[in-house]
Amino acid sequence: MSDFTEAPPLFFDKQSVAKYNFDKLTKLAAPVACISAVHCGRNAKAATSDDAGGRDSVTFFARGAAVMLTCDL
């Protein structure tokens, strides 16, 4: 198991992912940027993250944070 200490964890729901990511960001002790999506098109504001390919309407970044892209944008 010691070979997997740096492996990203897997979660079964989006709330657990959000909590894990928030905890990791706060432990960096760095400023956190909050990036809001630009909604364009009919019904875009009402779309869920599932409708948007899993992307949330707000994303948080911090210097030193690991980022995993799950699809080629």
PDB file of N, CA and C in Angstrom:
ATOM      1  N   MET A   1       0.811  -1.196   0.000  1.00  0.00           N
ATOM      2  CA  MET A   1       0.000   0.000   0.000  1.00  0.00           C
ATOM      3  C   MET A   1       0.858   1.266   0.000  1.00  0.00           C
ATOM      4  N   SER A   2       2.090   1.172   0.474  1.00  0.00           N
ATOM      5  CA  SER A   2       2.929   2.370   0.532  1.00  0.00           C
ATOM      6  C   SER A   2       3.226   2.935  -0.865  1.00  0.00           C
ATOM      7  N   ASP A   3       3.081   2.115  -1.903  1.00  0.00           N
ATOM      8  CA  ASP A   3       3.291   2.594  -3.271  1.00  0.00           C
ATOM      9  C   ASP A   3       2.180   3.545  -3.721  1.00  0.00           C
ATOM     10  N   PHE A   4       1.060   3.569  -3.020  1.00  0.00           N
ATOM     11  CA  PHE A   4      -0.097   4.334  -3.451  1.00  0.00           C
ATOM     12  C   PHE A   4      -0.398   5.544  -2.574  1.00  0.00           C
ATOM     13  N   THR A   5       0.548   5.986  -1.771  1.00  0.00           N
ATOM     14  CA  THR A   5       0.284   7.111  -0.876  1.00  0.00           C
ATOM     15  C   THR A   5       0.043   8.417  -1.627  1.00  0.00           C
ATOM     16  N   GLU A   6       0.561   8.547  -2.826  1.00  0.00           N
ATOM     17  CA  GLU A   6       0.373   9.768  -3.619  1.00  0.00           C
ATOM     18  C   GLU A   6      -0.720   9.618  -4.676  1.00  0.00           C
ATOM     19  N   ALA A   7      -1.381   8.478  -4.727  1.00  0.00           N
ATOM     20  CA  ALA A   7      -2.435   8.248  -5.713  1.00  0.00           C
ATOM     21  C   ALA A   7      -3.668   9.070  -5.353  1.00  0.00           C
ATOM     22  N   PRO A   8      -4.371   9.607  -6.351  1.00  0.00           N
ATOM     23  CA  PRO A   8      -5.598  10.354  -6.041  1.00  0.00           C
ATOM     24  C   PRO A   8      -6.673   9.416  -5.504  1.00  0.00           C
ATOM     25  N   PRO A   9      -7.407   9.860  -4.484  1.00  0.00           N
ATOM     26  CA  PRO A   9      -8.459   9.005  -3.928  1.00  0.00           C
ATOM     27  C   PRO A   9      -9.681   8.965  -4.847  1.00  0.00           C
ATOM     28  N   LEU A  10     -10.473   7.932  -4.712  1.00  0.00           N
ATOM     29  CA  LEU A  10     -11.716   7.795  -5.465  1.00  0.00           C
ATOM     30  C   LEU A  10     -12.883   7.990  -4.505  1.00  0.00           C
ATOM     31  N   PHE A  11     -13.912   8.701  -4.959  1.00  0.00           N
ATOM     32  CA  PHE A  11     -15.086   8.971  -4.136  1.00  0.00           C
ATOM     33  C   PHE A  11     -16.337   8.520  -4.863  1.00  0.00           C
ATOM     34  N   PHE A  12     -17.398   8.273  -4.117  1.00  0.00           N
ATOM     35  CA  PHE A  12     -18.640   7.804  -4.721  1.00  0.00           C
ATOM     36  C   PHE A  12     -19.670   8.908  -4.909  1.00  0.00           C
ATOM     37  N   ASP A  13     -19.402  10.127  -4.380  1.00  0.00           N
ATOM     38  CA  ASP A  13     -20.342  11.224  -4.597  1.00  0.00           C
ATOM     39  C   ASP A  13     -19.602  12.545  -4.721  1.00  0.00           C
ATOM     40  N   LYS A  14     -20.261  13.517  -5.335  1.00  0.00           N
ATOM     41  CA  LYS A  14     -19.637  14.813  -5.614  1.00  0.00           C
ATOM     42  C   LYS A  14     -19.395  15.630  -4.347  1.00  0.00           C
ATOM     43  N   GLN A  15     -20.224  15.435  -3.325  1.00  0.00           N
ATOM     44  CA  GLN A  15     -20.036  16.163  -2.071  1.00  0.00           C
ATOM     45  C   GLN A  15     -18.727  15.763  -1.397  1.00  0.00           C
ATOM     46  N   SER A  16     -18.394  14.491  -1.444  1.00  0.00           N
ATOM     47  CA  SER A  16     -17.133  14.028  -0.852  1.00  0.00           C
ATOM     48  C   SER A  16     -15.938  14.585  -1.617  1.00  0.00           C
ATOM     49  N   VAL A  17     -16.055  14.656  -2.924  1.00  0.00           N
ATOM     50  CA  VAL A  17     -14.990  15.233  -3.750  1.00  0.00           C
ATOM     51  C   VAL A  17     -14.796  16.704  -3.399  1.00  0.00           C
ATOM     52  N   ALA A  18     -15.895  17.443  -3.314  1.00  0.00           N
ATOM     53  CA  ALA A  18     -15.818  18.877  -3.003  1.00  0.00           C
ATOM     54  C   ALA A  18     -15.186  19.099  -1.628  1.00  0.00           C
ATOM     55  N   LYS A  19     -15.567  18.300  -0.634  1.00  0.00           N
ATOM     56  CA  LYS A  19     -14.991  18.446   0.706  1.00  0.00           C
ATOM     57  C   LYS A  19     -13.500  18.140   0.701  1.00  0.00           C
ATOM     58  N   TYR A  20     -13.115  17.066   0.042  1.00  0.00           N
ATOM     59  CA  TYR A  20     -11.699  16.691  -0.044  1.00  0.00           C
ATOM     60  C   TYR A  20     -10.890  17.809  -0.707  1.00  0.00           C
ATOM     61  N   ASN A  21     -11.388  18.308  -1.837  1.00  0.00           N
ATOM     62  CA  ASN A  21     -10.681  19.370  -2.553  1.00  0.00           C
ATOM     63  C   ASN A  21     -10.577  20.640  -1.716  1.00  0.00           C
ATOM     64  N   PHE A  22     -11.661  21.000  -1.023  1.00  0.00           N
ATOM     65  CA  PHE A  22     -11.636  22.193  -0.174  1.00  0.00           C
ATOM     66  C   PHE A  22     -10.619  22.030   0.952  1.00  0.00           C
ATOM     67  N   ASP A  23     -10.610  20.857   1.584  1.00  0.00           N
ATOM     68  CA  ASP A  23      -9.640  20.606   2.665  1.00  0.00           C
ATOM     69  C   ASP A  23      -8.207  20.708   2.154  1.00  0.00           C
ATOM     70  N   LYS A  24      -7.940  20.157   0.972  1.00  0.00           N
ATOM     71  CA  LYS A  24      -6.596  20.236   0.399  1.00  0.00           C
ATOM     72  C   LYS A  24      -6.204  21.677   0.084  1.00  0.00           C
ATOM     73  N   LEU A  25      -7.138  22.463  -0.455  1.00  0.00           N
ATOM     74  CA  LEU A  25      -6.839  23.860  -0.775  1.00  0.00           C
ATOM     75  C   LEU A  25      -6.527  24.663   0.481  1.00  0.00           C
ATOM     76  N   THR A  26      -7.296  24.470   1.540  1.00  0.00           N
ATOM     77  CA  THR A  26      -7.059  25.237   2.761  1.00  0.00           C
ATOM     78  C   THR A  26      -5.731  24.858   3.414  1.00  0.00           C
ATOM     79  N   LYS A  27      -5.290  23.626   3.259  1.00  0.00           N
ATOM     80  CA  LYS A  27      -4.015  23.209   3.842  1.00  0.00           C
ATOM     81  C   LYS A  27      -2.814  23.801   3.111  1.00  0.00           C
ATOM     82  N   LEU A  28      -3.021  24.310   1.890  1.00  0.00           N
ATOM     83  CA  LEU A  28      -1.920  24.919   1.150  1.00  0.00           C
ATOM     84  C   LEU A  28      -1.517  26.270   1.727  1.00  0.00           C
ATOM     85  N   ALA A  29      -2.409  26.880   2.487  1.00  0.00           N
ATOM     86  CA  ALA A  29      -2.154  28.202   3.064  1.00  0.00           C
ATOM     87  C   ALA A  29      -1.747  29.210   1.989  1.00  0.00           C
ATOM     88  N   ALA A  30      -2.431  29.159   0.862  1.00  0.00           N
ATOM     89  CA  ALA A  30      -2.188  30.070  -0.256  1.00  0.00           C
ATOM     90  C   ALA A  30      -3.516  30.723  -0.636  1.00  0.00           C
ATOM     91  N   PRO A  31      -3.467  31.892  -1.254  1.00  0.00           N
ATOM     92  CA  PRO A  31      -4.719  32.501  -1.710  1.00  0.00           C
ATOM     93  C   PRO A  31      -5.452  31.563  -2.680  1.00  0.00           C
ATOM     94  N   VAL A  32      -6.767  31.544  -2.573  1.00  0.00           N
ATOM     95  CA  VAL A  32      -7.596  30.691  -3.415  1.00  0.00           C
ATOM     96  C   VAL A  32      -8.368  31.564  -4.395  1.00  0.00           C
ATOM     97  N   ALA A  33      -8.264  31.233  -5.681  1.00  0.00           N
ATOM     98  CA  ALA A  33      -9.011  31.946  -6.715  1.00  0.00           C
ATOM     99  C   ALA A  33     -10.318  31.216  -6.970  1.00  0.00           C
ATOM    100  N   CYS A  34     -11.401  31.964  -7.009  1.00  0.00           N
ATOM    101  CA  CYS A  34     -12.721  31.425  -7.286  1.00  0.00           C
ATOM    102  C   CYS A  34     -13.091  31.853  -8.708  1.00  0.00           C
ATOM    103  N   ILE A  35     -13.166  30.899  -9.614  1.00  0.00           N
ATOM    104  CA  ILE A  35     -13.456  31.179 -11.016  1.00  0.00           C
ATOM    105  C   ILE A  35     -14.889  30.746 -11.317  1.00  0.00           C
ATOM    106  N   SER A  36     -15.725  31.699 -11.722  1.00  0.00           N
ATOM    107  CA  SER A  36     -17.116  31.402 -12.062  1.00  0.00           C
ATOM    108  C   SER A  36     -17.250  31.218 -13.566  1.00  0.00           C
ATOM    109  N   ALA A  37     -18.088  30.278 -13.946  1.00  0.00           N
ATOM    110  CA  ALA A  37     -18.333  30.006 -15.362  1.00  0.00           C
ATOM    111  C   ALA A  37     -19.116  31.157 -15.984  1.00  0.00           C
ATOM    112  N   VAL A  38     -18.916  31.351 -17.260  1.00  0.00           N
ATOM    113  CA  VAL A  38     -19.714  32.294 -18.025  1.00  0.00           C
ATOM    114  C   VAL A  38     -20.815  31.484 -18.691  1.00  0.00           C
ATOM    115  N   HIS A  39     -22.042  31.777 -18.315  1.00  0.00           N
ATOM    116  CA  HIS A  39     -23.188  31.044 -18.852  1.00  0.00           C
ATOM    117  C   HIS A  39     -23.684  31.737 -20.112  1.00  0.00           C
ATOM    118  N   CYS A  40     -23.690  31.023 -21.208  1.00  0.00           N
ATOM    119  CA  CYS A  40     -24.227  31.589 -22.439  1.00  0.00           C
ATOM    120  C   CYS A  40     -25.096  30.536 -23.115  1.00  0.00           C
ATOM    121  N   GLY A  41     -26.008  30.967 -23.860  1.00  0.00           N
ATOM    122  CA  GLY A  41     -26.929  30.034 -24.491  1.00  0.00           C
ATOM    123  C   GLY A  41     -28.197  29.887 -23.678  1.00  0.00           C
ATOM    124  N   ARG A  42     -29.208  29.441 -24.345  1.00  0.00           N
ATOM    125  CA  ARG A  42     -30.500  29.257 -23.706  1.00  0.00           C
ATOM    126  C   ARG A  42     -30.420  28.183 -22.627  1.00  0.00           C
ATOM    127  N   ASN A  43     -30.950  28.460 -21.462  1.00  0.00           N
ATOM    128  CA  ASN A  43     -31.027  27.527 -20.327  1.00  0.00           C
ATOM    129  C   ASN A  43     -29.668  27.149 -19.740  1.00  0.00           C
ATOM    130  N   ALA A  44     -28.620  27.866 -20.091  1.00  0.00           N
ATOM    131  CA  ALA A  44     -27.288  27.518 -19.592  1.00  0.00           C
ATOM    132  C   ALA A  44     -27.190  27.679 -18.079  1.00  0.00           C
ATOM    133  N   LYS A  45     -27.800  28.728 -17.528  1.00  0.00           N
ATOM    134  CA  LYS A  45     -27.724  28.932 -16.075  1.00  0.00           C
ATOM    135  C   LYS A  45     -28.424  27.830 -15.295  1.00  0.00           C
ATOM    136  N   ALA A  46     -29.416  27.214 -15.891  1.00  0.00           N
ATOM    137  CA  ALA A  46     -30.170  26.163 -15.209  1.00  0.00           C
ATOM    138  C   ALA A  46     -29.537  24.782 -15.388  1.00  0.00           C
ATOM    139  N   ALA A  47     -28.493  24.691 -16.190  1.00  0.00           N
ATOM    140  CA  ALA A  47     -27.866  23.391 -16.466  1.00  0.00           C
ATOM    141  C   ALA A  47     -27.159  22.863 -15.227  1.00  0.00           C
ATOM    142  N   THR A  48     -27.158  21.554 -15.072  1.00  0.00           N
ATOM    143  CA  THR A  48     -26.450  20.920 -13.965  1.00  0.00           C
ATOM    144  C   THR A  48     -25.001  20.657 -14.380  1.00  0.00           C
ATOM    145  N   SER A  49     -24.178  20.273 -13.421  1.00  0.00           N
ATOM    146  CA  SER A  49     -22.796  19.946 -13.762  1.00  0.00           C
ATOM    147  C   SER A  49     -22.745  18.723 -14.679  1.00  0.00           C
ATOM    148  N   ASP A  50     -23.692  17.815 -14.542  1.00  0.00           N
ATOM    149  CA  ASP A  50     -23.746  16.651 -15.439  1.00  0.00           C
ATOM    150  C   ASP A  50     -24.032  17.091 -16.876  1.00  0.00           C
ATOM    151  N   ASP A  51     -24.877  18.113 -17.030  1.00  0.00           N
ATOM    152  CA  ASP A  51     -25.161  18.644 -18.366  1.00  0.00           C
ATOM    153  C   ASP A  51     -23.924  19.287 -18.987  1.00  0.00           C
ATOM    154  N   ALA A  52     -23.033  19.763 -18.129  1.00  0.00           N
ATOM    155  CA  ALA A  52     -21.830  20.465 -18.590  1.00  0.00           C
ATOM    156  C   ALA A  52     -20.604  19.562 -18.571  1.00  0.00           C
ATOM    157  N   GLY A  53     -20.799  18.287 -18.739  1.00  0.00           N
ATOM    158  CA  GLY A  53     -19.676  17.360 -18.783  1.00  0.00           C
ATOM    159  C   GLY A  53     -18.975  17.192 -17.446  1.00  0.00           C
ATOM    160  N   GLY A  54     -19.693  17.411 -16.345  1.00  0.00           N
ATOM    161  CA  GLY A  54     -19.115  17.244 -15.020  1.00  0.00           C
ATOM    162  C   GLY A  54     -18.477  18.498 -14.446  1.00  0.00           C
ATOM    163  N   ARG A  55     -18.433  19.566 -15.216  1.00  0.00           N
ATOM    164  CA  ARG A  55     -17.825  20.810 -14.735  1.00  0.00           C
ATOM    165  C   ARG A  55     -18.834  21.596 -13.907  1.00  0.00           C
ATOM    166  N   ASP A  56     -18.387  22.114 -12.779  1.00  0.00           N
ATOM    167  CA  ASP A  56     -19.241  22.933 -11.921  1.00  0.00           C
ATOM    168  C   ASP A  56     -19.235  24.373 -12.399  1.00  0.00           C
ATOM    169  N   SER A  57     -20.208  25.153 -11.929  1.00  0.00           N
ATOM    170  CA  SER A  57     -20.281  26.550 -12.344  1.00  0.00           C
ATOM    171  C   SER A  57     -19.230  27.402 -11.636  1.00  0.00           C
ATOM    172  N   VAL A  58     -18.664  26.891 -10.549  1.00  0.00           N
ATOM    173  CA  VAL A  58     -17.599  27.591  -9.821  1.00  0.00           C
ATOM    174  C   VAL A  58     -16.462  26.604  -9.603  1.00  0.00           C
ATOM    175  N   THR A  59     -15.234  27.049  -9.874  1.00  0.00           N
ATOM    176  CA  THR A  59     -14.052  26.215  -9.676  1.00  0.00           C
ATOM    177  C   THR A  59     -13.051  26.997  -8.836  1.00  0.00           C
ATOM    178  N   PHE A  60     -12.379  26.308  -7.942  1.00  0.00           N
ATOM    179  CA  PHE A  60     -11.399  26.934  -7.057  1.00  0.00           C
ATOM    180  C   PHE A  60     -10.003  26.456  -7.424  1.00  0.00           C
ATOM    181  N   PHE A  61      -9.056  27.395  -7.461  1.00  0.00           N
ATOM    182  CA  PHE A  61      -7.659  27.093  -7.754  1.00  0.00           C
ATOM    183  C   PHE A  61      -6.771  27.787  -6.733  1.00  0.00           C
ATOM    184  N   ALA A  62      -5.611  27.222  -6.488  1.00  0.00           N
ATOM    185  CA  ALA A  62      -4.613  27.858  -5.639  1.00  0.00           C
ATOM    186  C   ALA A  62      -3.234  27.465  -6.151  1.00  0.00           C
ATOM    187  N   ARG A  63      -2.287  28.352  -5.962  1.00  0.00           N
ATOM    188  CA  ARG A  63      -0.915  28.050  -6.350  1.00  0.00           C
ATOM    189  C   ARG A  63      -0.437  26.832  -5.559  1.00  0.00           C
ATOM    190  N   GLY A  64       0.099  25.861  -6.268  1.00  0.00           N
ATOM    191  CA  GLY A  64       0.590  24.648  -5.634  1.00  0.00           C
ATOM    192  C   GLY A  64      -0.436  23.529  -5.581  1.00  0.00           C
ATOM    193  N   ALA A  65      -1.675  23.806  -5.995  1.00  0.00           N
ATOM    194  CA  ALA A  65      -2.711  22.774  -5.967  1.00  0.00           C
ATOM    195  C   ALA A  65      -2.560  21.851  -7.182  1.00  0.00           C
ATOM    196  N   ALA A  66      -2.778  20.583  -6.946  1.00  0.00           N
ATOM    197  CA  ALA A  66      -2.770  19.618  -8.055  1.00  0.00           C
ATOM    198  C   ALA A  66      -4.093  19.740  -8.817  1.00  0.00           C
ATOM    199  N   VAL A  67      -4.005  19.635 -10.140  1.00  0.00           N
ATOM    200  CA  VAL A  67      -5.206  19.721 -10.978  1.00  0.00           C
ATOM    201  C   VAL A  67      -5.224  18.495 -11.873  1.00  0.00           C
ATOM    202  N   MET A  68      -6.394  17.858 -11.956  1.00  0.00           N
ATOM    203  CA  MET A  68      -6.534  16.689 -12.815  1.00  0.00           C
ATOM    204  C   MET A  68      -7.580  16.991 -13.883  1.00  0.00           C
ATOM    205  N   LEU A  69      -7.165  16.941 -15.130  1.00  0.00           N
ATOM    206  CA  LEU A  69      -8.101  17.098 -16.230  1.00  0.00           C
ATOM    207  C   LEU A  69      -8.651  15.722 -16.595  1.00  0.00           C
ATOM    208  N   THR A  70      -9.955  15.628 -16.702  1.00  0.00           N
ATOM    209  CA  THR A  70     -10.567  14.335 -16.976  1.00  0.00           C
ATOM    210  C   THR A  70     -11.030  14.202 -18.426  1.00  0.00           C
ATOM    211  N   CYS A  71     -10.891  15.269 -19.202  1.00  0.00           N
ATOM    212  CA  CYS A  71     -11.216  15.203 -20.632  1.00  0.00           C
ATOM    213  C   CYS A  71     -10.451  16.301 -21.352  1.00  0.00           C
ATOM    214  N   ASP A  72     -10.260  16.132 -22.625  1.00  0.00           N
ATOM    215  CA  ASP A  72      -9.574  17.121 -23.428  1.00  0.00           C
ATOM    216  C   ASP A  72     -10.560  18.209 -23.818  1.00  0.00           C
ATOM    217  N   LEU A  73     -10.333  19.421 -23.304  1.00  0.00           N
ATOM    218  CA  LEU A  73     -11.249  20.519 -23.603  1.00  0.00           C
ATOM    219  C   LEU A  73     -10.837  21.202 -24.884  1.00  0.00           C
TER     220      LEU A  73
END
